[in-house]
C-alpha atoms as a PDB file:
ATOM      1  CA  MET A   1     -25.219 -70.898-149.276  1.00  0.00           C
ATOM      2  CA  LYS A   2     -24.738 -70.337-152.850  1.00  0.00           C
ATOM      3  CA  TYR A   3     -27.229 -67.476-152.219  1.00  0.00           C
ATOM      4  CA  TRP A   4     -24.936 -66.004-149.741  1.00  0.00           C
ATOM      5  CA  ILE A   5     -21.891 -66.080-152.031  1.00  0.00           C
ATOM      6  CA  ALA A   6     -23.563 -64.560-155.241  1.00  0.00           C
ATOM      7  CA  VAL A   7     -24.642 -61.745-152.502  1.00  0.00           C
ATOM      8  CA  THR A   8     -20.941 -61.144-151.140  1.00  0.00           C
ATOM      9  CA  LEU A   9     -19.466 -61.145-154.894  1.00  0.00           C
ATOM     10  CA  MET A  10     -22.212 -58.620-155.878  1.00  0.00           C
ATOM     11  CA  VAL A  11     -21.469 -56.079-152.988  1.00  0.00           C
ATOM     12  CA  MET A  12     -18.170 -56.596-153.457  1.00  0.00           C
ATOM     13  CA  ALA A  13     -18.743 -55.534-157.085  1.00  0.00           C
ATOM     14  CA  ALA A  14     -21.510 -53.027-156.592  1.00  0.00           C
ATOM     15  CA  SER A  15     -19.101 -51.095-153.749  1.00  0.00           C
ATOM     16  CA  HIS A  16     -15.925 -51.202-156.370  1.00  0.00           C
ATOM     17  CA  ALA A  17     -17.419 -49.069-158.844  1.00  0.00           C
ATOM     18  CA  SER A  18     -17.943 -45.857-156.537  1.00  0.00           C
ATOM     19  CA  ALA A  19     -14.068 -46.503-155.636  1.00  0.00           C
ATOM     20  CA  GLU A  20     -10.557 -45.508-157.407  1.00  0.00           C
ATOM     21  CA  SER A  21      -8.588 -48.128-158.454  1.00  0.00           C
ATOM     22  CA  CYS A  22      -4.952 -48.607-157.969  1.00  0.00           C
ATOM     23  CA  ASP A  23      -2.739 -51.552-157.976  1.00  0.00           C
ATOM     24  CA  TYR A  24      -3.063 -54.528-155.452  1.00  0.00           C
ATOM     25  CA  VAL A  25      -0.020 -55.034-153.534  1.00  0.00           C
ATOM     26  CA  ILE A  26       0.645 -58.658-153.667  1.00  0.00           C
ATOM     27  CA  PRO A  27       0.803 -59.809-149.872  1.00  0.00           C
ATOM     28  CA  GLY A  28       3.373 -62.043-148.375  1.00  0.00           C
ATOM     29  CA  THR A  29       2.717 -65.450-147.035  1.00  0.00           C
ATOM     30  CA  VAL A  30       2.823 -65.545-142.940  1.00  0.00           C
ATOM     31  CA  TYR A  31       3.483 -68.799-141.465  1.00  0.00           C
ATOM     32  CA  LEU A  32       1.313 -70.060-138.607  1.00  0.00           C
ATOM     33  CA  PRO A  33       1.727 -73.031-136.465  1.00  0.00           C
ATOM     34  CA  TYR A  34      -1.498 -75.087-135.864  1.00  0.00           C
ATOM     35  CA  HIS A  35      -3.492 -74.853-132.787  1.00  0.00           C
ATOM     36  CA  LYS A  36      -6.052 -76.739-131.604  1.00  0.00           C
ATOM     37  CA  GLY A  37      -8.998 -74.319-130.731  1.00  0.00           C
ATOM     38  CA  ALA A  38     -10.639 -74.649-127.178  1.00  0.00           C
ATOM     39  CA  HIS A  39     -14.495 -75.559-128.710  1.00  0.00           C
ATOM     40  CA  THR A  40     -16.284 -77.261-130.871  1.00  0.00           C
ATOM     41  CA  PRO A  41     -15.030 -78.672-134.033  1.00  0.00           C
ATOM     42  CA  VAL A  42     -16.577 -78.607-137.504  1.00  0.00           C
ATOM     43  CA  TYR A  43     -15.583 -80.565-140.265  1.00  0.00           C
ATOM     44  CA  PHE A  44     -16.213 -79.703-143.903  1.00  0.00           C
ATOM     45  CA  SER A  45     -14.558 -81.254-147.066  1.00  0.00           C
ATOM     46  CA  LYS A  46     -11.120 -82.575-146.113  1.00  0.00           C
ATOM     47  CA  TYR A  47     -10.382 -80.213-143.331  1.00  0.00           C
ATOM     48  CA  GLN A  48     -11.620 -78.574-139.852  1.00  0.00           C
ATOM     49  CA  PHE A  49     -11.402 -76.001-137.391  1.00  0.00           C
ATOM     50  CA  ASN A  50     -12.119 -75.572-134.239  1.00  0.00           C
ATOM     51  CA  LEU A  51     -15.220 -72.491-133.798  1.00  0.00           C
ATOM     52  CA  PRO A  52     -13.271 -69.988-131.130  1.00  0.00           C
ATOM     53  CA  SER A  53     -16.480 -69.744-128.924  1.00  0.00           C
ATOM     54  CA  GLN A  54     -19.765 -72.198-128.010  1.00  0.00           C
ATOM     55  CA  PRO A  55     -22.548 -70.521-130.853  1.00  0.00           C
ATOM     56  CA  ASP A  56     -26.278 -70.120-130.000  1.00  0.00           C
ATOM     57  CA  VAL A  57     -27.374 -72.073-133.015  1.00  0.00           C
ATOM     58  CA  LEU A  58     -25.155 -74.102-135.458  1.00  0.00           C
ATOM     59  CA  LEU A  59     -26.855 -75.201-138.537  1.00  0.00           C
ATOM     60  CA  SER A  60     -25.526 -77.598-141.227  1.00  0.00           C
ATOM     61  CA  GLY A  61     -26.599 -78.711-144.463  1.00  0.00           C
ATOM     62  CA  ASP A  62     -24.473 -77.347-147.819  1.00  0.00           C
ATOM     63  CA  GLY A  63     -21.953 -75.903-145.702  1.00  0.00           C
ATOM     64  CA  PHE A  64     -22.607 -74.833-141.871  1.00  0.00           C
ATOM     65  CA  MET A  65     -23.785 -71.472-140.155  1.00  0.00           C
ATOM     66  CA  ALA A  66     -22.792 -71.094-136.430  1.00  0.00           C
ATOM     67  CA  SER A  67     -24.597 -68.095-134.849  1.00  0.00           C
ATOM     68  CA  TYR A  68     -23.654 -66.155-131.932  1.00  0.00           C
ATOM     69  CA  PRO A  69     -25.419 -62.761-130.403  1.00  0.00           C
ATOM     70  CA  ASN A  70     -25.541 -59.631-131.771  1.00  0.00           C
ATOM     71  CA  ARG A  71     -25.595 -61.239-135.230  1.00  0.00           C
ATOM     72  CA  ASP A  72     -22.452 -62.228-135.402  1.00  0.00           C
ATOM     73  CA  TYR A  73     -21.562 -65.716-137.225  1.00  0.00           C
ATOM     74  CA  ILE A  74     -19.246 -67.733-138.615  1.00  0.00           C
ATOM     75  CA  GLY A  75     -20.299 -69.871-142.027  1.00  0.00           C
ATOM     76  CA  GLN A  76     -19.064 -72.035-144.485  1.00  0.00           C
ATOM     77  CA  GLN A  77     -19.665 -73.298-147.920  1.00  0.00           C
ATOM     78  CA  HIS A  78     -17.464 -75.251-150.440  1.00  0.00           C
ATOM     79  CA  VAL A  79     -17.123 -72.694-153.851  1.00  0.00           C
ATOM     80  CA  ASP A  80     -18.638 -75.097-156.814  1.00  0.00           C
ATOM     81  CA  PRO A  81     -16.049 -74.757-159.512  1.00  0.00           C
ATOM     82  CA  GLU A  82     -19.024 -75.569-161.630  1.00  0.00           C
ATOM     83  CA  PRO A  83     -19.794 -71.938-162.483  1.00  0.00           C
ATOM     84  CA  TRP A  84     -16.757 -70.934-162.921  1.00  0.00           C
ATOM     85  CA  SER A  85     -16.278 -73.377-166.022  1.00  0.00           C
ATOM     86  CA  ASP A  86     -17.050 -70.640-168.578  1.00  0.00           C
ATOM     87  CA  GLN A  87     -14.597 -68.156-166.741  1.00  0.00           C
ATOM     88  CA  LEU A  88     -11.742 -70.800-166.914  1.00  0.00           C
ATOM     89  CA  GLY A  89     -12.014 -70.854-170.308  1.00  0.00           C
ATOM     90  CA  ARG A  90     -12.242 -67.211-171.281  1.00  0.00           C
ATOM     91  CA  PHE A  91      -9.116 -67.136-168.903  1.00  0.00           C
ATOM     92  CA  THR A  92      -6.479 -69.215-170.940  1.00  0.00           C
ATOM     93  CA  SER A  93      -6.387 -72.562-173.149  1.00  0.00           C
ATOM     94  CA  ARG A  94      -4.271 -74.062-170.472  1.00  0.00           C
ATOM     95  CA  PRO A  95      -6.056 -76.262-168.089  1.00  0.00           C
ATOM     96  CA  VAL A  96      -6.358 -74.010-164.755  1.00  0.00           C
ATOM     97  CA  SER A  97      -8.476 -75.036-161.675  1.00  0.00           C
ATOM     98  CA  VAL A  98     -10.675 -72.999-159.922  1.00  0.00           C
ATOM     99  CA  VAL A  99      -8.253 -72.917-156.928  1.00  0.00           C
ATOM    100  CA  ASP A 100      -5.436 -71.606-159.215  1.00  0.00           C
ATOM    101  CA  LEU A 101      -7.202 -68.887-160.494  1.00  0.00           C
ATOM    102  CA  TYR A 102      -7.869 -67.434-157.211  1.00  0.00           C
ATOM    103  CA  ARG A 103      -3.916 -68.039-156.071  1.00  0.00           C
ATOM    104  CA  LEU A 104      -3.199 -66.036-159.464  1.00  0.00           C
ATOM    105  CA  ILE A 105      -6.213 -63.587-158.058  1.00  0.00           C
ATOM    106  CA  TYR A 106      -4.562 -63.314-155.046  1.00  0.00           C
ATOM    107  CA  GLY A 107      -0.764 -63.230-155.934  1.00  0.00           C
ATOM    108  CA  ILE A 108       0.154 -66.643-154.381  1.00  0.00           C
ATOM    109  CA  LEU A 109       1.297 -67.689-157.855  1.00  0.00           C
ATOM    110  CA  PRO A 110       3.225 -65.360-160.004  1.00  0.00           C
ATOM    111  CA  THR A 111       1.510 -64.000-162.888  1.00  0.00           C
ATOM    112  CA  ASN A 112       4.678 -62.662-164.831  1.00  0.00           C
ATOM    113  CA  ASN A 113       4.175 -66.084-166.728  1.00  0.00           C
ATOM    114  CA  LEU A 114       1.068 -65.189-168.300  1.00  0.00           C
ATOM    115  CA  ASN A 115       0.207 -63.957-171.506  1.00  0.00           C
ATOM    116  CA  ALA A 116      -1.530 -60.086-171.890  1.00  0.00           C
ATOM    117  CA  ALA A 117      -4.909 -61.199-172.236  1.00  0.00           C
ATOM    118  CA  GLU A 118      -5.049 -63.590-169.139  1.00  0.00           C
ATOM    119  CA  GLN A 119      -2.773 -60.971-167.376  1.00  0.00           C
ATOM    120  CA  ASP A 120      -5.475 -58.572-168.097  1.00  0.00           C
ATOM    121  CA  GLU A 121      -8.444 -61.304-166.768  1.00  0.00           C
ATOM    122  CA  VAL A 122      -6.437 -61.484-163.408  1.00  0.00           C
ATOM    123  CA  GLN A 123      -6.675 -57.397-162.812  1.00  0.00           C
ATOM    124  CA  LEU A 124     -10.373 -58.040-163.581  1.00  0.00           C
ATOM    125  CA  GLN A 125     -11.105 -60.457-161.391  1.00  0.00           C
ATOM    126  CA  ARG A 126      -8.841 -58.557-158.802  1.00  0.00           C
ATOM    127  CA  SER A 127     -11.247 -55.409-159.915  1.00  0.00           C
ATOM    128  CA  LEU A 128     -14.176 -57.183-159.179  1.00  0.00           C
ATOM    129  CA  LEU A 129     -13.097 -58.766-155.646  1.00  0.00           C
ATOM    130  CA  LYS A 130     -11.913 -54.986-155.001  1.00  0.00           C
ATOM    131  CA  LEU A 131      -8.406 -56.232-154.818  1.00  0.00           C
ATOM    132  CA  ASP A 132      -6.396 -52.717-154.869  1.00  0.00           C
ATOM    133  CA  CYS A 133      -3.934 -50.955-152.570  1.00  0.00           C
ATOM    134  CA  ASN A 134      -6.509 -50.413-150.050  1.00  0.00           C
ATOM    135  CA  ALA A 135      -7.151 -54.024-149.777  1.00  0.00           C
ATOM    136  CA  ASN A 136      -6.649 -55.247-146.305  1.00  0.00           C
ATOM    137  CA  VAL A 137      -5.468 -59.142-147.465  1.00  0.00           C
ATOM    138  CA  THR A 138      -3.271 -61.304-145.905  1.00  0.00           C
ATOM    139  CA  VAL A 139      -2.008 -65.114-146.683  1.00  0.00           C
ATOM    140  CA  TYR A 140      -1.664 -67.247-144.033  1.00  0.00           C
ATOM    141  CA  ARG A 141      -0.202 -70.803-144.384  1.00  0.00           C
ATOM    142  CA  VAL A 142      -1.043 -72.800-141.344  1.00  0.00           C
ATOM    143  CA  GLY A 143       0.915 -75.983-140.338  1.00  0.00           C
ATOM    144  CA  GLY A 144       3.310 -75.699-143.280  1.00  0.00           C
ATOM    145  CA  THR A 145       0.692 -76.845-145.292  1.00  0.00           C
ATOM    146  CA  VAL A 146      -3.075 -75.029-145.774  1.00  0.00           C
ATOM    147  CA  ASP A 147      -3.011 -71.843-147.459  1.00  0.00           C
ATOM    148  CA  VAL A 148      -6.159 -69.270-146.316  1.00  0.00           C
ATOM    149  CA  VAL A 149      -6.201 -65.646-147.714  1.00  0.00           C
ATOM    150  CA  LEU A 150      -7.738 -63.472-145.396  1.00  0.00           C
ATOM    151  CA  GLN A 151      -9.746 -60.631-146.797  1.00  0.00           C
ATOM    152  CA  VAL A 152     -10.645 -57.920-143.976  1.00  0.00           C
ATOM    153  CA  ARG A 153     -13.839 -56.384-145.540  1.00  0.00           C
ATOM    154  CA  GLN A 154     -15.342 -53.857-142.971  1.00  0.00           C
ATOM    155  CA  VAL A 155     -13.284 -53.380-139.763  1.00  0.00           C
ATOM    156  CA  GLU A 156     -15.522 -51.414-137.674  1.00  0.00           C
ATOM    157  CA  THR A 157     -18.566 -54.321-138.126  1.00  0.00           C
ATOM    158  CA  GLY A 158     -16.311 -57.012-137.716  1.00  0.00           C
ATOM    159  CA  PHE A 159     -16.973 -58.754-141.262  1.00  0.00           C
ATOM    160  CA  HIS A 160     -14.055 -60.647-143.027  1.00  0.00           C
ATOM    161  CA  THR A 161     -14.052 -63.494-145.344  1.00  0.00           C
ATOM    162  CA  LEU A 162     -11.454 -66.512-145.547  1.00  0.00           C
ATOM    163  CA  LEU A 163     -10.894 -68.561-148.851  1.00  0.00           C
ATOM    164  CA  LEU A 164      -9.190 -71.984-147.801  1.00  0.00           C
ATOM    165  CA  LEU A 165      -7.102 -73.012-151.398  1.00  0.00           C
ATOM    166  CA  SER A 166      -6.304 -76.692-151.393  1.00  0.00           C
ATOM    167  CA  ASP A 167      -5.963 -79.057-154.221  1.00  0.00           C
ATOM    168  CA  GLU A 168      -9.626 -80.236-153.140  1.00  0.00           C
ATOM    169  CA  GLY A 169     -10.906 -76.800-154.183  1.00  0.00           C
ATOM    170  CA  VAL A 170     -11.911 -73.882-152.440  1.00  0.00           C
ATOM    171  CA  GLU A 171     -13.981 -73.166-149.344  1.00  0.00           C
ATOM    172  CA  LEU A 172     -15.096 -69.911-148.138  1.00  0.00           C
ATOM    173  CA  ILE A 173     -15.637 -68.916-144.491  1.00  0.00           C
ATOM    174  CA  THR A 174     -17.574 -65.884-143.722  1.00  0.00           C
ATOM    175  CA  LEU A 175     -17.031 -64.025-140.369  1.00  0.00           C
ATOM    176  CA  ARG A 176     -18.557 -61.436-138.192  1.00  0.00           C
ATOM    177  CA  ARG A 177     -16.457 -61.921-135.394  1.00  0.00           C
ATOM    178  CA  PRO A 178     -13.486 -59.992-133.457  1.00  0.00           C
ATOM    179  CA  MET A 179      -9.746 -60.204-135.300  1.00  0.00           C
ATOM    180  CA  LYS A 180      -9.018 -62.429-132.022  1.00  0.00           C
ATOM    181  CA  GLU A 181     -11.032 -65.122-132.602  1.00  0.00           C
ATOM    182  CA  VAL A 182     -10.731 -64.911-136.706  1.00  0.00           C
ATOM    183  CA  MET A 183      -7.155 -65.420-136.081  1.00  0.00           C
ATOM    184  CA  GLN A 184      -8.248 -68.563-133.681  1.00  0.00           C
ATOM    185  CA  VAL A 185      -9.882 -70.148-136.033  1.00  0.00           C
ATOM    186  CA  ILE A 186      -7.444 -69.731-138.882  1.00  0.00           C
ATOM    187  CA  ALA A 187      -4.795 -71.217-136.650  1.00  0.00           C
ATOM    188  CA  SER A 188      -7.192 -74.024-136.028  1.00  0.00           C
ATOM    189  CA  ILE A 189      -7.630 -75.145-139.614  1.00  0.00           C
ATOM    190  CA  LYS A 190      -6.273 -78.662-140.361  1.00  0.00           C
ATOM    191  CA  ARG A 191      -6.642 -81.101-142.552  1.00  0.00           C
ATOM    192  CA  ARG A 192      -8.139 -84.063-141.718  1.00  0.00           C
ATOM    193  CA  VAL A 193      -7.013 -87.711-141.534  1.00  0.00           C
END
């Protein structure tokens, strides 16, 4: 699963290099009520969501992958904070968690209290993640407590990424499914008791 995160980040960075840049527009937060999904619940970290339909294959290990016909899938992996430790040290002398770094990058936390070097680092991370005026990003708050960032990567192929941001860390959920099912997944995310 760690391989997929690295590949995803490299593809995003490479595709960004050829694009013109423009400023990222901070998305507003959309509040969604929690809706239990109709199919198999999957558990990870301290959270769960329901698969929108029955998969052909469900593999688990360091995360999980649900496979569907036509090469569609839903995968989940915990973002290990260890590779980010050097990045966080360069970012600021203040203690910053990986979760807060993502919140700054996606605009959930304000950046106006950062110094110039820290704001430059946020801009660099945004450019690496291809966050500009063309980025299709929405921030959802599910059930009033769970922050989920949806970035639609390729509308024509149905490839999307979700970042679940919590006090426990960051969970990366990648999906190649229709948008209706992506929204069902988002609405079914909840913290386990």
